Amino acid sequence: MTLPVLLMLVHDGSSVTAVEERDPALPQVGVLDLGVTRGDGVFESIGVVGGRPQALEAHLARLVRSAELLDLPRPDVDVWRSAILRGIEIAGSEALESELLVKLVLTRGLEGGSAPTGWVHVFDSGDYSGDRAGIAVVTLDRGYRSDVAVTSPWLLQGAKTLSYAVNKAALREAARRGADDVVFVSSDGIVLEGPNSTVIALLDGVYVTTPPSLGVLEGTTQAAFFADAEARGAAVEYRAFTVEELRRASAVWLASSGRQIAPVVSLDGVELSGDPASTSETLKRLLAR
């Protein structure tokens, strides 16, 4: 077994001086690293299908944006890109035969230090067949208004940070309610996003998703979904929409880098019909991109 693969990006100050393959079974990050003690860092997860990293440039751009929002040193995208491709190359035949994930992590580094910590981790993504067949979802109040990204930018809405305690708590709450996943809703009733996904709804024949200006993460798989829909002549739109609209949607999906798209078959305990044939065909095209 080649997987998992771990490449540490060794920093001197804000600059990467080396990319070293390390044993992922051995300790590599210090206990005083602020990514561990404070969740002070950012990350990206990139799907790999047929040896191809999906939406690589979009993920790198999002890593840079997240780092900027946290005032972290700007990642050198050329170095990170090279490390990603090297990790996939080391994975060898497994990258061609299985769906993989590449996780990029950049933390503020050791408390009191001056250099960030960074690594690239390549691993088997696991079996998403169950989620791709359909998931039950509950809506949960995120506790912020939909304009929070403008009124309170220090809350870091729209950054992909390591601070996932709230997201994990929301998923546990979903499990307590007998559901698989969550759609966060703003305190003023606007659909936002999932803990690790983008919401797409088919409303009156138009594919709709929440705009990043409302503090949601810009979705890479959602962007590919929209590009596919437009190529088929369908209409797409970025706009705010309400929970009531979501409940009357012809179909709803949660989009993410690993599972690609997961059709929502139940929302707050109410069955949704969806379009299994359309989902299956779209999934094939997304996996082939």
Protein backbone atom coordinates (compact mmCIF):
# COMPACT_ATOMS: atom_id res chain seq x y z
CA MET A 1 0.00 0.00 0.00
CA THR A 2 1.35 3.40 -1.02
CA LEU A 3 -1.39 5.38 0.68
CA PRO A 4 -1.55 7.52 2.66
CA VAL A 5 1.09 9.96 1.42
CA LEU A 6 2.32 12.86 3.55
CA LEU A 7 4.44 15.75 2.30
CA MET A 8 5.53 18.39 4.82
CA LEU A 9 6.22 21.88 3.51
CA VAL A 10 9.18 23.08 5.57
CA HIS A 11 9.07 26.84 6.18
CA ASP A 12 11.75 29.36 7.05
CA GLY A 13 9.74 32.37 8.05
CA SER A 14 6.97 32.62 5.47
CA SER A 15 8.94 30.89 2.68
CA VAL A 16 8.90 27.17 1.88
CA THR A 17 12.48 25.87 1.81
CA ALA A 18 11.78 22.16 1.21
CA VAL A 19 9.01 19.67 0.54
CA GLU A 20 9.76 16.42 2.37
CA GLU A 21 7.99 13.08 2.23
CA ARG A 22 7.32 11.92 5.78
CA ASP A 23 5.81 8.89 7.47
CA PRO A 24 2.14 9.75 8.22
CA ALA A 25 2.13 7.18 11.03
CA LEU A 26 4.72 9.21 12.98
CA PRO A 27 4.21 12.54 14.81
CA GLN A 28 4.92 15.47 12.51
CA VAL A 29 3.15 18.46 14.12
CA GLY A 30 4.13 19.97 17.48
CA VAL A 31 1.71 20.05 20.41
CA LEU A 32 2.14 23.83 20.58
CA ASP A 33 1.14 24.32 16.95
CA LEU A 34 -1.69 26.84 16.83
CA GLY A 35 -3.52 24.68 14.32
CA VAL A 36 -3.79 22.05 17.08
CA THR A 37 -4.32 24.27 20.11
CA ARG A 38 -6.53 26.96 18.54
CA GLY A 39 -7.72 25.66 15.18
CA ASP A 40 -5.81 28.65 13.80
CA GLY A 41 -5.28 27.69 10.19
CA VAL A 42 -6.89 26.92 6.86
CA PHE A 43 -7.31 23.88 4.67
CA GLU A 44 -8.57 22.56 1.35
CA SER A 45 -9.73 19.12 0.23
CA ILE A 46 -9.27 18.21 -3.42
CA GLY A 47 -10.90 15.22 -5.07
CA VAL A 48 -8.69 13.04 -7.27
CA VAL A 49 -10.38 10.88 -9.91
CA GLY A 50 -8.43 8.87 -12.48
CA GLY A 51 -5.24 10.47 -11.20
CA ARG A 52 -6.56 13.99 -11.92
CA PRO A 53 -6.86 16.58 -9.15
CA GLN A 54 -10.24 18.22 -9.70
CA ALA A 55 -10.54 22.02 -9.83
CA LEU A 56 -6.92 22.32 -8.74
CA GLU A 57 -6.50 25.99 -9.54
CA ALA A 58 -9.81 26.92 -7.91
CA HIS A 59 -8.76 25.12 -4.72
CA LEU A 60 -5.38 26.86 -4.70
CA ALA A 61 -7.06 30.23 -5.19
CA ARG A 62 -9.44 29.48 -2.32
CA LEU A 63 -6.51 28.47 -0.10
CA VAL A 64 -4.90 31.84 -0.79
CA ARG A 65 -8.16 33.69 -0.06
CA SER A 66 -8.66 31.83 3.23
CA ALA A 67 -5.07 32.56 4.26
CA GLU A 68 -5.56 36.24 3.48
CA LEU A 69 -8.73 36.38 5.60
CA LEU A 70 -6.76 34.94 8.55
CA ASP A 71 -3.69 37.16 7.94
CA LEU A 72 -1.56 34.07 7.35
CA PRO A 73 1.48 34.20 5.06
CA ARG A 74 0.36 34.00 1.44
CA PRO A 75 0.79 30.41 0.18
CA ASP A 76 3.14 30.04 -2.78
CA VAL A 77 0.71 28.35 -5.17
CA ASP A 78 3.51 27.02 -7.40
CA VAL A 79 5.06 25.18 -4.46
CA TRP A 80 1.71 23.84 -3.25
CA ARG A 81 0.70 22.76 -6.75
CA SER A 82 3.98 20.91 -7.21
CA ALA A 83 3.55 19.17 -3.84
CA ILE A 84 0.00 18.10 -4.72
CA LEU A 85 1.07 16.61 -8.05
CA ARG A 86 4.05 14.91 -6.40
CA GLY A 87 1.80 13.37 -3.76
CA ILE A 88 -0.54 11.99 -6.41
CA GLU A 89 2.45 10.64 -8.35
CA ILE A 90 3.72 8.86 -5.23
CA ALA A 91 0.27 7.31 -4.77
CA GLY A 92 0.89 5.59 -8.12
CA SER A 93 -1.69 3.13 -9.39
CA GLU A 94 -3.97 3.79 -6.44
CA ALA A 95 -4.54 7.30 -7.76
CA LEU A 96 -5.74 5.77 -11.03
CA GLU A 97 -7.87 3.01 -9.55
CA SER A 98 -9.53 4.71 -6.56
CA GLU A 99 -11.07 8.04 -5.70
CA LEU A 100 -8.64 9.94 -3.48
CA LEU A 101 -8.63 13.13 -1.48
CA VAL A 102 -5.73 15.54 -1.16
CA LYS A 103 -5.91 17.63 2.00
CA LEU A 104 -3.89 20.84 2.16
CA VAL A 105 -3.30 22.32 5.62
CA LEU A 106 -1.65 25.61 6.53
CA THR A 107 -1.48 26.68 10.20
CA ARG A 108 0.00 29.69 11.96
CA GLY A 109 2.72 27.39 13.31
CA LEU A 110 4.17 27.05 16.78
CA GLU A 111 2.91 29.50 19.38
CA GLY A 112 5.50 32.25 19.69
CA GLY A 113 7.20 31.21 16.45
CA SER A 114 7.46 32.97 13.12
CA ALA A 115 7.00 30.15 10.60
CA PRO A 116 3.71 28.54 9.55
CA THR A 117 3.20 24.79 9.33
CA GLY A 118 2.03 23.23 6.09
CA TRP A 119 1.42 19.80 4.67
CA VAL A 120 -0.20 17.85 1.84
CA HIS A 121 -1.94 14.60 2.75
CA VAL A 122 -3.13 12.15 0.08
CA PHE A 123 -5.50 9.37 1.12
CA ASP A 124 -8.34 7.14 -0.04
CA SER A 125 -11.58 9.11 0.05
CA GLY A 126 -13.68 6.12 1.10
CA ASP A 127 -17.00 4.87 -0.23
CA TYR A 128 -19.51 7.61 -1.06
CA SER A 129 -22.04 5.35 -2.80
CA GLY A 130 -24.53 5.63 0.06
CA ASP A 131 -24.48 9.43 0.11
CA ARG A 132 -24.65 9.60 -3.67
CA ALA A 133 -27.84 7.54 -3.55
CA GLY A 134 -29.52 10.08 -1.27
CA ILE A 135 -29.21 11.75 2.13
CA ALA A 136 -31.58 12.99 4.81
CA VAL A 137 -30.91 16.59 5.84
CA VAL A 138 -32.08 18.91 8.60
CA THR A 139 -31.96 22.71 8.63
CA LEU A 140 -30.19 24.33 11.57
CA ASP A 141 -29.91 28.00 12.50
CA ARG A 142 -26.32 29.22 12.21
CA GLY A 143 -27.10 32.11 14.54
CA TYR A 144 -25.95 34.89 12.20
CA ARG A 145 -27.81 37.17 9.82
CA SER A 146 -27.17 36.63 6.12
CA ASP A 147 -25.21 39.91 5.91
CA VAL A 148 -22.68 38.87 8.58
CA ALA A 149 -19.78 38.78 6.10
CA VAL A 150 -20.26 42.52 5.60
CA THR A 151 -21.20 43.57 9.12
CA SER A 152 -18.72 41.34 10.98
CA PRO A 153 -15.84 40.23 8.73
CA TRP A 154 -13.79 39.17 11.78
CA LEU A 155 -16.10 36.16 12.11
CA LEU A 156 -14.32 34.79 9.00
CA GLN A 157 -17.42 33.63 7.16
CA GLY A 158 -16.32 32.39 3.75
CA ALA A 159 -12.90 31.20 4.93
CA LYS A 160 -12.17 27.47 5.03
CA THR A 161 -10.66 27.32 8.50
CA LEU A 162 -9.57 24.46 10.75
CA SER A 163 -12.08 25.63 13.40
CA TYR A 164 -14.62 22.86 12.80
CA ALA A 165 -16.04 22.33 16.29
CA VAL A 166 -19.36 23.99 15.38
CA ASN A 167 -19.62 22.04 12.13
CA LYS A 168 -19.00 18.77 13.93
CA ALA A 169 -21.54 19.69 16.62
CA ALA A 170 -24.12 20.39 13.90
CA LEU A 171 -23.51 17.00 12.30
CA ARG A 172 -23.93 15.30 15.68
CA GLU A 173 -27.21 17.16 16.11
CA ALA A 174 -28.30 15.93 12.68
CA ALA A 175 -27.51 12.36 13.72
CA ARG A 176 -29.55 12.81 16.90
CA ARG A 177 -32.46 13.81 14.66
CA GLY A 178 -31.99 10.76 12.45
CA ALA A 179 -30.45 12.70 9.56
CA ASP A 180 -27.18 12.47 7.63
CA ASP A 181 -26.29 16.10 7.06
CA VAL A 182 -27.15 19.74 7.70
CA VAL A 183 -28.14 22.85 5.80
CA PHE A 184 -27.29 25.97 7.79
CA VAL A 185 -29.83 28.78 7.71
CA SER A 186 -29.23 32.41 8.68
CA SER A 187 -31.18 33.98 11.53
CA ASP A 188 -33.16 35.92 8.91
CA GLY A 189 -34.23 32.74 7.10
CA ILE A 190 -31.77 32.54 4.19
CA VAL A 191 -30.29 29.21 3.08
CA LEU A 192 -26.50 29.23 3.56
CA GLU A 193 -24.44 26.03 3.17
CA GLY A 194 -23.69 22.69 4.75
CA PRO A 195 -20.90 22.07 7.29
CA ASN A 196 -18.72 20.90 4.39
CA SER A 197 -20.87 21.37 1.30
CA THR A 198 -22.62 23.84 -0.99
CA VAL A 199 -26.40 23.80 -1.40
CA ILE A 200 -27.86 23.61 -4.91
CA ALA A 201 -31.64 23.78 -5.47
CA LEU A 202 -33.69 23.42 -8.63
CA LEU A 203 -36.28 26.20 -8.35
CA ASP A 204 -38.78 26.76 -11.18
CA GLY A 205 -36.38 25.20 -13.68
CA VAL A 206 -33.35 27.23 -12.53
CA TYR A 207 -30.38 25.81 -10.62
CA VAL A 208 -29.82 28.16 -7.68
CA THR A 209 -27.09 28.48 -5.04
CA THR A 210 -26.30 31.04 -2.36
CA PRO A 211 -23.78 33.70 -3.46
CA PRO A 212 -20.41 33.84 -1.66
CA SER A 213 -21.16 37.48 -0.80
CA LEU A 214 -23.45 36.12 1.94
CA GLY A 215 -20.51 34.56 3.75
CA VAL A 216 -20.62 31.03 2.33
CA LEU A 217 -17.59 29.22 0.97
CA GLU A 218 -17.22 29.46 -2.78
CA GLY A 219 -18.00 25.94 -3.99
CA THR A 220 -15.63 24.28 -6.47
CA THR A 221 -17.87 21.26 -7.16
CA GLN A 222 -20.91 23.54 -7.30
CA ALA A 223 -19.10 25.61 -9.95
CA ALA A 224 -18.49 22.45 -12.00
CA PHE A 225 -22.17 21.50 -11.55
CA PHE A 226 -23.25 24.91 -12.83
CA ALA A 227 -20.85 24.71 -15.79
CA ASP A 228 -22.29 21.31 -16.68
CA ALA A 229 -25.86 22.63 -16.38
CA GLU A 230 -25.10 25.63 -18.59
CA ALA A 231 -23.47 23.36 -21.18
CA ARG A 232 -26.77 21.49 -21.35
CA GLY A 233 -28.65 24.75 -21.88
CA ALA A 234 -30.03 25.03 -18.34
CA ALA A 235 -30.28 28.28 -16.39
CA VAL A 236 -28.22 28.88 -13.25
CA GLU A 237 -28.36 31.68 -10.69
CA TYR A 238 -26.49 32.90 -7.63
CA ARG A 239 -29.02 34.50 -5.29
CA ALA A 240 -30.38 34.46 -1.78
CA PHE A 241 -33.26 32.05 -1.27
CA THR A 242 -35.33 31.07 1.72
CA VAL A 243 -35.98 27.83 3.55
CA GLU A 244 -39.53 27.92 2.24
CA GLU A 245 -38.17 27.97 -1.32
CA LEU A 246 -35.82 25.12 -0.50
CA ARG A 247 -38.73 23.03 0.73
CA ARG A 248 -40.64 23.44 -2.54
CA ALA A 249 -37.60 22.83 -4.77
CA SER A 250 -37.92 20.20 -7.49
CA ALA A 251 -34.55 18.79 -6.38
CA VAL A 252 -31.82 19.63 -3.87
CA TRP A 253 -28.18 18.55 -3.77
CA LEU A 254 -25.24 19.06 -1.43
CA ALA A 255 -22.03 19.44 -3.42
CA SER A 256 -18.51 18.80 -2.10
CA SER A 257 -15.10 17.71 -3.35
CA GLY A 258 -15.21 14.15 -2.05
CA ARG A 259 -18.71 12.87 -2.63
CA GLN A 260 -19.29 15.29 -5.55
CA ILE A 261 -23.09 15.59 -5.34
CA ALA A 262 -25.46 14.01 -2.85
CA PRO A 263 -29.19 14.32 -3.60
CA VAL A 264 -31.33 15.35 -0.64
CA VAL A 265 -34.19 12.86 -0.35
CA SER A 266 -35.55 14.15 2.97
CA LEU A 267 -35.57 17.68 4.39
CA ASP A 268 -36.57 18.17 8.04
CA GLY A 269 -38.34 14.83 7.92
CA VAL A 270 -40.31 15.59 4.76
CA GLU A 271 -39.58 13.47 1.69
CA LEU A 272 -38.25 15.19 -1.44
CA SER A 273 -38.81 13.61 -4.84
CA GLY A 274 -35.67 14.75 -6.68
CA ASP A 275 -34.52 13.41 -10.05
CA PRO A 276 -32.40 10.24 -9.68
CA ALA A 277 -31.70 9.87 -13.41
CA SER A 278 -30.46 13.45 -13.72
CA THR A 279 -28.33 13.05 -10.60
CA SER A 280 -26.74 9.87 -11.92
CA GLU A 281 -25.85 11.40 -15.28
CA THR A 282 -24.51 14.61 -13.71
CA LEU A 283 -22.41 12.59 -11.27
CA LYS A 284 -20.83 10.66 -14.14
CA ARG A 285 -19.88 13.88 -15.88
CA LEU A 286 -18.50 15.41 -12.68
CA LEU A 287 -16.35 12.37 -12.03
CA ALA A 288 -15.04 12.47 -15.62
CA ARG A 289 -14.01 16.14 -15.60
